[in-house]
PDB file of N, CA and C in Angstrom:
ATOM      1  N   MET A   1     -11.764   0.870  24.884  1.00  0.00           N
ATOM      2  CA  MET A   1     -12.036   0.965  23.450  1.00  0.00           C
ATOM      3  C   MET A   1     -10.794   0.552  22.671  1.00  0.00           C
ATOM      4  N   MET A   2     -10.981  -0.375  21.774  1.00  0.00           N
ATOM      5  CA  MET A   2      -9.869  -0.845  20.960  1.00  0.00           C
ATOM      6  C   MET A   2      -9.690   0.063  19.747  1.00  0.00           C
ATOM      7  N   THR A   3      -8.450   0.330  19.399  1.00  0.00           N
ATOM      8  CA  THR A   3      -8.172   1.112  18.202  1.00  0.00           C
ATOM      9  C   THR A   3      -7.558   0.191  17.157  1.00  0.00           C
ATOM     10  N   TYR A   4      -7.803   0.501  15.911  1.00  0.00           N
ATOM     11  CA  TYR A   4      -7.302  -0.309  14.812  1.00  0.00           C
ATOM     12  C   TYR A   4      -6.437   0.554  13.914  1.00  0.00           C
ATOM     13  N   LYS A   5      -5.299   0.027  13.535  1.00  0.00           N
ATOM     14  CA  LYS A   5      -4.421   0.711  12.600  1.00  0.00           C
ATOM     15  C   LYS A   5      -4.588   0.045  11.242  1.00  0.00           C
ATOM     16  N   PHE A   6      -4.764   0.855  10.219  1.00  0.00           N
ATOM     17  CA  PHE A   6      -4.849   0.354   8.854  1.00  0.00           C
ATOM     18  C   PHE A   6      -3.543   0.619   8.138  1.00  0.00           C
ATOM     19  N   ILE A   7      -3.143  -0.336   7.305  1.00  0.00           N
ATOM     20  CA  ILE A   7      -1.947  -0.153   6.487  1.00  0.00           C
ATOM     21  C   ILE A   7      -2.303  -0.366   5.023  1.00  0.00           C
ATOM     22  N   ARG A   8      -1.679   0.405   4.168  1.00  0.00           N
ATOM     23  CA  ARG A   8      -1.930   0.316   2.729  1.00  0.00           C
ATOM     24  C   ARG A   8      -1.168  -0.863   2.140  1.00  0.00           C
ATOM     25  N   ALA A   9      -1.435  -1.134   0.883  1.00  0.00           N
ATOM     26  CA  ALA A   9      -0.888  -2.317   0.220  1.00  0.00           C
ATOM     27  C   ALA A   9       0.636  -2.383   0.292  1.00  0.00           C
ATOM     28  N   LYS A  10       1.309  -1.284  -0.016  1.00  0.00           N
ATOM     29  CA  LYS A  10       2.779  -1.323  -0.019  1.00  0.00           C
ATOM     30  C   LYS A  10       3.338  -1.670   1.353  1.00  0.00           C
ATOM     31  N   GLU A  11       2.743  -1.104   2.393  1.00  0.00           N
ATOM     32  CA  GLU A  11       3.213  -1.415   3.744  1.00  0.00           C
ATOM     33  C   GLU A  11       2.865  -2.850   4.131  1.00  0.00           C
ATOM     34  N   ALA A  12       1.671  -3.310   3.758  1.00  0.00           N
ATOM     35  CA  ALA A  12       1.280  -4.693   4.045  1.00  0.00           C
ATOM     36  C   ALA A  12       2.214  -5.666   3.329  1.00  0.00           C
ATOM     37  N   GLN A  13       2.539  -5.353   2.077  1.00  0.00           N
ATOM     38  CA  GLN A  13       3.464  -6.203   1.323  1.00  0.00           C
ATOM     39  C   GLN A  13       4.838  -6.204   1.983  1.00  0.00           C
ATOM     40  N   ALA A  14       5.315  -5.030   2.382  1.00  0.00           N
ATOM     41  CA  ALA A  14       6.622  -4.940   3.032  1.00  0.00           C
ATOM     42  C   ALA A  14       6.623  -5.688   4.360  1.00  0.00           C
ATOM     43  N   THR A  15       5.522  -5.601   5.096  1.00  0.00           N
ATOM     44  CA  THR A  15       5.419  -6.267   6.390  1.00  0.00           C
ATOM     45  C   THR A  15       5.469  -7.784   6.236  1.00  0.00           C
ATOM     46  N   THR A  16       4.866  -8.295   5.174  1.00  0.00           N
ATOM     47  CA  THR A  16       4.880  -9.741   4.940  1.00  0.00           C
ATOM     48  C   THR A  16       6.155 -10.199   4.239  1.00  0.00           C
ATOM     49  N   GLY A  17       6.843  -9.256   3.592  1.00  0.00           N
ATOM     50  CA  GLY A  17       8.040  -9.610   2.838  1.00  0.00           C
ATOM     51  C   GLY A  17       7.730 -10.210   1.482  1.00  0.00           C
ATOM     52  N   LEU A  18       6.486 -10.070   1.041  1.00  0.00           N
ATOM     53  CA  LEU A  18       6.068 -10.675  -0.223  1.00  0.00           C
ATOM     54  C   LEU A  18       6.080  -9.652  -1.352  1.00  0.00           C
ATOM     55  N   PRO A  19       6.474 -10.086  -2.542  1.00  0.00           N
ATOM     56  CA  PRO A  19       6.329  -9.188  -3.693  1.00  0.00           C
ATOM     57  C   PRO A  19       4.845  -9.022  -4.030  1.00  0.00           C
ATOM     58  N   ARG A  20       4.541  -7.983  -4.780  1.00  0.00           N
ATOM     59  CA  ARG A  20       3.154  -7.623  -5.087  1.00  0.00           C
ATOM     60  C   ARG A  20       2.351  -8.790  -5.659  1.00  0.00           C
ATOM     61  N   SER A  21       2.897  -9.476  -6.658  1.00  0.00           N
ATOM     62  CA  SER A  21       2.141 -10.550  -7.313  1.00  0.00           C
ATOM     63  C   SER A  21       1.838 -11.691  -6.337  1.00  0.00           C
ATOM     64  N   THR A  22       2.797 -12.050  -5.509  1.00  0.00           N
ATOM     65  CA  THR A  22       2.585 -13.121  -4.541  1.00  0.00           C
ATOM     66  C   THR A  22       1.601 -12.680  -3.465  1.00  0.00           C
ATOM     67  N   PHE A  23       1.697 -11.427  -3.042  1.00  0.00           N
ATOM     68  CA  PHE A  23       0.785 -10.883  -2.040  1.00  0.00           C
ATOM     69  C   PHE A  23      -0.667 -11.050  -2.499  1.00  0.00           C
ATOM     70  N   TYR A  24      -0.966 -10.640  -3.726  1.00  0.00           N
ATOM     71  CA  TYR A  24      -2.341 -10.749  -4.227  1.00  0.00           C
ATOM     72  C   TYR A  24      -2.719 -12.202  -4.543  1.00  0.00           C
ATOM     73  N   HIS A  25      -1.755 -13.010  -4.924  1.00  0.00           N
ATOM     74  CA  HIS A  25      -2.018 -14.441  -5.123  1.00  0.00           C
ATOM     75  C   HIS A  25      -2.426 -15.078  -3.784  1.00  0.00           C
ATOM     76  N   TYR A  26      -1.732 -14.715  -2.714  1.00  0.00           N
ATOM     77  CA  TYR A  26      -2.064 -15.248  -1.395  1.00  0.00           C
ATOM     78  C   TYR A  26      -3.472 -14.825  -0.964  1.00  0.00           C
ATOM     79  N   ILE A  27      -3.876 -13.611  -1.305  1.00  0.00           N
ATOM     80  CA  ILE A  27      -5.243 -13.182  -1.000  1.00  0.00           C
ATOM     81  C   ILE A  27      -6.234 -14.066  -1.747  1.00  0.00           C
ATOM     82  N   ALA A  28      -5.988 -14.295  -3.026  1.00  0.00           N
ATOM     83  CA  ALA A  28      -6.869 -15.132  -3.842  1.00  0.00           C
ATOM     84  C   ALA A  28      -6.925 -16.566  -3.314  1.00  0.00           C
ATOM     85  N   GLU A  29      -5.817 -17.044  -2.739  1.00  0.00           N
ATOM     86  CA  GLU A  29      -5.754 -18.411  -2.222  1.00  0.00           C
ATOM     87  C   GLU A  29      -6.229 -18.529  -0.773  1.00  0.00           C
ATOM     88  N   GLY A  30      -6.618 -17.409  -0.168  1.00  0.00           N
ATOM     89  CA  GLY A  30      -7.084 -17.445   1.210  1.00  0.00           C
ATOM     90  C   GLY A  30      -5.977 -17.491   2.241  1.00  0.00           C
ATOM     91  N   LEU A  31      -4.751 -17.157   1.828  1.00  0.00           N
ATOM     92  CA  LEU A  31      -3.622 -17.166   2.747  1.00  0.00           C
ATOM     93  C   LEU A  31      -3.342 -15.796   3.352  1.00  0.00           C
ATOM     94  N   LEU A  32      -4.035 -14.793   2.873  1.00  0.00           N
ATOM     95  CA  LEU A  32      -4.026 -13.445   3.434  1.00  0.00           C
ATOM     96  C   LEU A  32      -5.450 -12.918   3.361  1.00  0.00           C
ATOM     97  N   PRO A  33      -5.835 -12.067   4.296  1.00  0.00           N
ATOM     98  CA  PRO A  33      -7.191 -11.521   4.249  1.00  0.00           C
ATOM     99  C   PRO A  33      -7.324 -10.489   3.134  1.00  0.00           C
ATOM    100  N   PRO A  34      -8.515 -10.321   2.608  1.00  0.00           N
ATOM    101  CA  PRO A  34      -8.735  -9.273   1.620  1.00  0.00           C
ATOM    102  C   PRO A  34      -8.713  -7.913   2.315  1.00  0.00           C
ATOM    103  N   PRO A  35      -8.553  -6.845   1.542  1.00  0.00           N
ATOM    104  CA  PRO A  35      -8.523  -5.520   2.161  1.00  0.00           C
ATOM    105  C   PRO A  35      -9.904  -5.081   2.635  1.00  0.00           C
ATOM    106  N   VAL A  36      -9.892  -4.061   3.471  1.00  0.00           N
ATOM    107  CA  VAL A  36     -11.108  -3.410   3.952  1.00  0.00           C
ATOM    108  C   VAL A  36     -11.305  -2.154   3.116  1.00  0.00           C
ATOM    109  N   ARG A  37     -12.499  -1.944   2.645  1.00  0.00           N
ATOM    110  CA  ARG A  37     -12.795  -0.737   1.865  1.00  0.00           C
ATOM    111  C   ARG A  37     -12.930   0.444   2.813  1.00  0.00           C
ATOM    112  N   LEU A  38     -12.128   1.487   2.577  1.00  0.00           N
ATOM    113  CA  LEU A  38     -12.173   2.700   3.393  1.00  0.00           C
ATOM    114  C   LEU A  38     -12.970   3.808   2.728  1.00  0.00           C
ATOM    115  N   GLY A  39     -13.090   3.737   1.427  1.00  0.00           N
ATOM    116  CA  GLY A  39     -13.809   4.747   0.660  1.00  0.00           C
ATOM    117  C   GLY A  39     -14.055   4.210  -0.738  1.00  0.00           C
ATOM    118  N   LEU A  40     -14.511   5.066  -1.618  1.00  0.00           N
ATOM    119  CA  LEU A  40     -14.814   4.624  -2.982  1.00  0.00           C
ATOM    120  C   LEU A  40     -13.602   4.057  -3.701  1.00  0.00           C
ATOM    121  N   ARG A  41     -12.450   4.669  -3.488  1.00  0.00           N
ATOM    122  CA  ARG A  41     -11.241   4.237  -4.185  1.00  0.00           C
ATOM    123  C   ARG A  41     -10.089   3.969  -3.232  1.00  0.00           C
ATOM    124  N   SER A  42     -10.419   3.552  -2.032  1.00  0.00           N
ATOM    125  CA  SER A  42      -9.393   3.388  -1.008  1.00  0.00           C
ATOM    126  C   SER A  42      -9.613   2.097  -0.223  1.00  0.00           C
ATOM    127  N   VAL A  43      -8.560   1.291  -0.137  1.00  0.00           N
ATOM    128  CA  VAL A  43      -8.604   0.076   0.671  1.00  0.00           C
ATOM    129  C   VAL A  43      -7.340  -0.007   1.517  1.00  0.00           C
ATOM    130  N   ALA A  44      -7.425  -0.783   2.582  1.00  0.00           N
ATOM    131  CA  ALA A  44      -6.273  -1.007   3.455  1.00  0.00           C
ATOM    132  C   ALA A  44      -6.523  -2.290   4.247  1.00  0.00           C
ATOM    133  N   TRP A  45      -5.515  -2.720   4.964  1.00  0.00           N
ATOM    134  CA  TRP A  45      -5.609  -3.930   5.781  1.00  0.00           C
ATOM    135  C   TRP A  45      -5.459  -3.554   7.245  1.00  0.00           C
ATOM    136  N   PRO A  46      -6.238  -4.170   8.128  1.00  0.00           N
ATOM    137  CA  PRO A  46      -5.980  -3.981   9.556  1.00  0.00           C
ATOM    138  C   PRO A  46      -4.594  -4.554   9.866  1.00  0.00           C
ATOM    139  N   ALA A  47      -3.744  -3.741  10.463  1.00  0.00           N
ATOM    140  CA  ALA A  47      -2.374  -4.180  10.763  1.00  0.00           C
ATOM    141  C   ALA A  47      -2.379  -5.426  11.643  1.00  0.00           C
ATOM    142  N   SER A  48      -3.345  -5.520  12.543  1.00  0.00           N
ATOM    143  CA  SER A  48      -3.410  -6.673  13.443  1.00  0.00           C
ATOM    144  C   SER A  48      -3.617  -7.985  12.685  1.00  0.00           C
ATOM    145  N   GLU A  49      -4.376  -7.931  11.593  1.00  0.00           N
ATOM    146  CA  GLU A  49      -4.600  -9.145  10.799  1.00  0.00           C
ATOM    147  C   GLU A  49      -3.316  -9.578  10.096  1.00  0.00           C
ATOM    148  N   ILE A  50      -2.596  -8.623   9.531  1.00  0.00           N
ATOM    149  CA  ILE A  50      -1.329  -8.954   8.861  1.00  0.00           C
ATOM    150  C   ILE A  50      -0.328  -9.470   9.889  1.00  0.00           C
ATOM    151  N   ASP A  51      -0.288  -8.844  11.067  1.00  0.00           N
ATOM    152  CA  ASP A  51       0.609  -9.306  12.133  1.00  0.00           C
ATOM    153  C   ASP A  51       0.286 -10.737  12.546  1.00  0.00           C
ATOM    154  N   ALA A  52      -1.004 -11.063  12.628  1.00  0.00           N
ATOM    155  CA  ALA A  52      -1.407 -12.423  13.016  1.00  0.00           C
ATOM    156  C   ALA A  52      -0.951 -13.453  11.986  1.00  0.00           C
ATOM    157  N   ILE A  53      -1.027 -13.092  10.711  1.00  0.00           N
ATOM    158  CA  ILE A  53      -0.556 -14.000   9.653  1.00  0.00           C
ATOM    159  C   ILE A  53       0.949 -14.199   9.775  1.00  0.00           C
ATOM    160  N   ASN A  54       1.671 -13.108   9.987  1.00  0.00           N
ATOM    161  CA  ASN A  54       3.127 -13.217  10.139  1.00  0.00           C
ATOM    162  C   ASN A  54       3.489 -14.096  11.332  1.00  0.00           C
ATOM    163  N   LEU A  55       2.789 -13.931  12.453  1.00  0.00           N
ATOM    164  CA  LEU A  55       3.053 -14.764  13.627  1.00  0.00           C
ATOM    165  C   LEU A  55       2.758 -16.235  13.349  1.00  0.00           C
ATOM    166  N   ALA A  56       1.705 -16.501  12.597  1.00  0.00           N
ATOM    167  CA  ALA A  56       1.375 -17.886  12.243  1.00  0.00           C
ATOM    168  C   ALA A  56       2.486 -18.494  11.389  1.00  0.00           C
ATOM    169  N   ARG A  57       3.019 -17.711  10.466  1.00  0.00           N
ATOM    170  CA  ARG A  57       4.125 -18.212   9.637  1.00  0.00           C
ATOM    171  C   ARG A  57       5.363 -18.466  10.483  1.00  0.00           C
ATOM    172  N   ILE A  58       5.668 -17.543  11.407  1.00  0.00           N
ATOM    173  CA  ILE A  58       6.821 -17.717  12.290  1.00  0.00           C
ATOM    174  C   ILE A  58       6.651 -18.984  13.127  1.00  0.00           C
ATOM    175  N   ALA A  59       5.422 -19.237  13.559  1.00  0.00           N
ATOM    176  CA  ALA A  59       5.130 -20.418  14.378  1.00  0.00           C
ATOM    177  C   ALA A  59       5.126 -21.714  13.574  1.00  0.00           C
ATOM    178  N   GLY A  60       5.288 -21.599  12.261  1.00  0.00           N
ATOM    179  CA  GLY A  60       5.344 -22.797  11.423  1.00  0.00           C
ATOM    180  C   GLY A  60       3.991 -23.401  11.106  1.00  0.00           C
ATOM    181  N   LYS A  61       2.937 -22.594  11.179  1.00  0.00           N
ATOM    182  CA  LYS A  61       1.600 -23.102  10.868  1.00  0.00           C
ATOM    183  C   LYS A  61       1.524 -23.527   9.399  1.00  0.00           C
ATOM    184  N   SER A  62       0.704 -24.527   9.140  1.00  0.00           N
ATOM    185  CA  SER A  62       0.513 -25.020   7.776  1.00  0.00           C
ATOM    186  C   SER A  62      -0.357 -24.042   6.988  1.00  0.00           C
ATOM    187  N   GLU A  63      -0.369 -24.196   5.686  1.00  0.00           N
ATOM    188  CA  GLU A  63      -1.225 -23.346   4.860  1.00  0.00           C
ATOM    189  C   GLU A  63      -2.691 -23.537   5.217  1.00  0.00           C
ATOM    190  N   ASP A  64      -3.098 -24.757   5.534  1.00  0.00           N
ATOM    191  CA  ASP A  64      -4.486 -24.991   5.936  1.00  0.00           C
ATOM    192  C   ASP A  64      -4.812 -24.255   7.242  1.00  0.00           C
ATOM    193  N   GLU A  65      -3.878 -24.247   8.182  1.00  0.00           N
ATOM    194  CA  GLU A  65      -4.097 -23.530   9.438  1.00  0.00           C
ATOM    195  C   GLU A  65      -4.163 -22.018   9.201  1.00  0.00           C
ATOM    196  N   ILE A  66      -3.347 -21.527   8.282  1.00  0.00           N
ATOM    197  CA  ILE A  66      -3.368 -20.102   7.957  1.00  0.00           C
ATOM    198  C   ILE A  66      -4.679 -19.747   7.261  1.00  0.00           C
ATOM    199  N   ARG A  67      -5.151 -20.609   6.370  1.00  0.00           N
ATOM    200  CA  ARG A  67      -6.458 -20.361   5.727  1.00  0.00           C
ATOM    201  C   ARG A  67      -7.573 -20.279   6.775  1.00  0.00           C
ATOM    202  N   GLU A  68      -7.524 -21.144   7.770  1.00  0.00           N
ATOM    203  CA  GLU A  68      -8.522 -21.114   8.843  1.00  0.00           C
ATOM    204  C   GLU A  68      -8.415 -19.805   9.628  1.00  0.00           C
ATOM    205  N   LEU A  69      -7.208 -19.345   9.887  1.00  0.00           N
ATOM    206  CA  LEU A  69      -7.012 -18.064  10.556  1.00  0.00           C
ATOM    207  C   LEU A  69      -7.632 -16.926   9.738  1.00  0.00           C
ATOM    208  N   VAL A  70      -7.397 -16.939   8.439  1.00  0.00           N
ATOM    209  CA  VAL A  70      -7.962 -15.907   7.560  1.00  0.00           C
ATOM    210  C   VAL A  70      -9.491 -15.979   7.576  1.00  0.00           C
ATOM    211  N   ARG A  71     -10.051 -17.182   7.510  1.00  0.00           N
ATOM    212  CA  ARG A  71     -11.519 -17.327   7.581  1.00  0.00           C
ATOM    213  C   ARG A  71     -12.053 -16.744   8.888  1.00  0.00           C
ATOM    214  N   ASN A  72     -11.348 -16.985   9.989  1.00  0.00           N
ATOM    215  CA  ASN A  72     -11.770 -16.446  11.280  1.00  0.00           C
ATOM    216  C   ASN A  72     -11.672 -14.921  11.304  1.00  0.00           C
ATOM    217  N   GLN A  73     -10.644 -14.373  10.664  1.00  0.00           N
ATOM    218  CA  GLN A  73     -10.507 -12.917  10.587  1.00  0.00           C
ATOM    219  C   GLN A  73     -11.673 -12.311   9.806  1.00  0.00           C
ATOM    220  N   ILE A  74     -12.028 -12.943   8.705  1.00  0.00           N
ATOM    221  CA  ILE A  74     -13.142 -12.446   7.890  1.00  0.00           C
ATOM    222  C   ILE A  74     -14.451 -12.557   8.662  1.00  0.00           C
ATOM    223  N   ALA A  75     -14.641 -13.657   9.389  1.00  0.00           N
ATOM    224  CA  ALA A  75     -15.854 -13.830  10.195  1.00  0.00           C
ATOM    225  C   ALA A  75     -15.925 -12.764  11.289  1.00  0.00           C
ATOM    226  N   ALA A  76     -14.796 -12.423  11.884  1.00  0.00           N
ATOM    227  CA  ALA A  76     -14.773 -11.383  12.920  1.00  0.00           C
ATOM    228  C   ALA A  76     -15.150 -10.029  12.325  1.00  0.00           C
ATOM    229  N   ARG A  77     -14.682  -9.748  11.116  1.00  0.00           N
ATOM    230  CA  ARG A  77     -15.067  -8.506  10.433  1.00  0.00           C
ATOM    231  C   ARG A  77     -16.575  -8.469  10.216  1.00  0.00           C
ATOM    232  N   GLU A  78     -17.120  -9.592   9.745  1.00  0.00           N
ATOM    233  CA  GLU A  78     -18.561  -9.653   9.470  1.00  0.00           C
ATOM    234  C   GLU A  78     -19.370  -9.468  10.751  1.00  0.00           C
ATOM    235  N   ALA A  79     -18.872 -10.011  11.862  1.00  0.00           N
ATOM    236  CA  ALA A  79     -19.558  -9.843  13.141  1.00  0.00           C
ATOM    237  C   ALA A  79     -19.541  -8.372  13.565  1.00  0.00           C
ATOM    238  N   LEU A  80     -18.417  -7.705  13.355  1.00  0.00           N
ATOM    239  CA  LEU A  80     -18.345  -6.269  13.662  1.00  0.00           C
ATOM    240  C   LEU A  80     -19.324  -5.480  12.802  1.00  0.00           C
ATOM    241  N   ALA A  81     -19.384  -5.826  11.525  1.00  0.00           N
ATOM    242  CA  ALA A  81     -20.281  -5.120  10.593  1.00  0.00           C
ATOM    243  C   ALA A  81     -21.738  -5.330  10.988  1.00  0.00           C
ATOM    244  N   ALA A  82     -22.035  -6.492  11.566  1.00  0.00           N
ATOM    245  CA  ALA A  82     -23.404  -6.804  11.982  1.00  0.00           C
ATOM    246  C   ALA A  82     -23.734  -6.234  13.353  1.00  0.00           C
ATOM    247  N   GLY A  83     -22.745  -5.581  13.968  1.00  0.00           N
ATOM    248  CA  GLY A  83     -22.982  -4.978  15.267  1.00  0.00           C
ATOM    249  C   GLY A  83     -22.598  -5.837  16.448  1.00  0.00           C
ATOM    250  N   GLY A  84     -21.996  -6.982  16.168  1.00  0.00           N
ATOM    251  CA  GLY A  84     -21.570  -7.876  17.250  1.00  0.00           C
ATOM    252  C   GLY A  84     -20.153  -7.570  17.679  1.00  0.00           C
ATOM    253  N   ALA A  85     -19.676  -8.305  18.633  1.00  0.00           N
ATOM    254  CA  ALA A  85     -18.295  -8.151  19.114  1.00  0.00           C
ATOM    255  C   ALA A  85     -17.409  -9.161  18.407  1.00  0.00           C
ATOM    256  N   ALA A  86     -16.172  -8.762  18.179  1.00  0.00           N
ATOM    257  CA  ALA A  86     -15.220  -9.668  17.529  1.00  0.00           C
ATOM    258  C   ALA A  86     -14.379 -10.385  18.547  1.00  0.00           C
TER     259      ALA A  86
END
């Protein structure tokens, strides 16, 4: 059984090294995944998704490649929500 760690916005921002405005701009541009809703007023990011983005940046991936990674992360979430395997 796989376990998932969620991190809140401040930790996700610190992990990426991005200031708040750039962090949310990157989400809007598809360069970071959107948060997961945990409750009515609570969101967080799967730490594994943020780690994957950081690794892609370290590897020198292009913005287009990072956008594709984010699209794949979102598709994996949707598959989990539909009852499939990610």
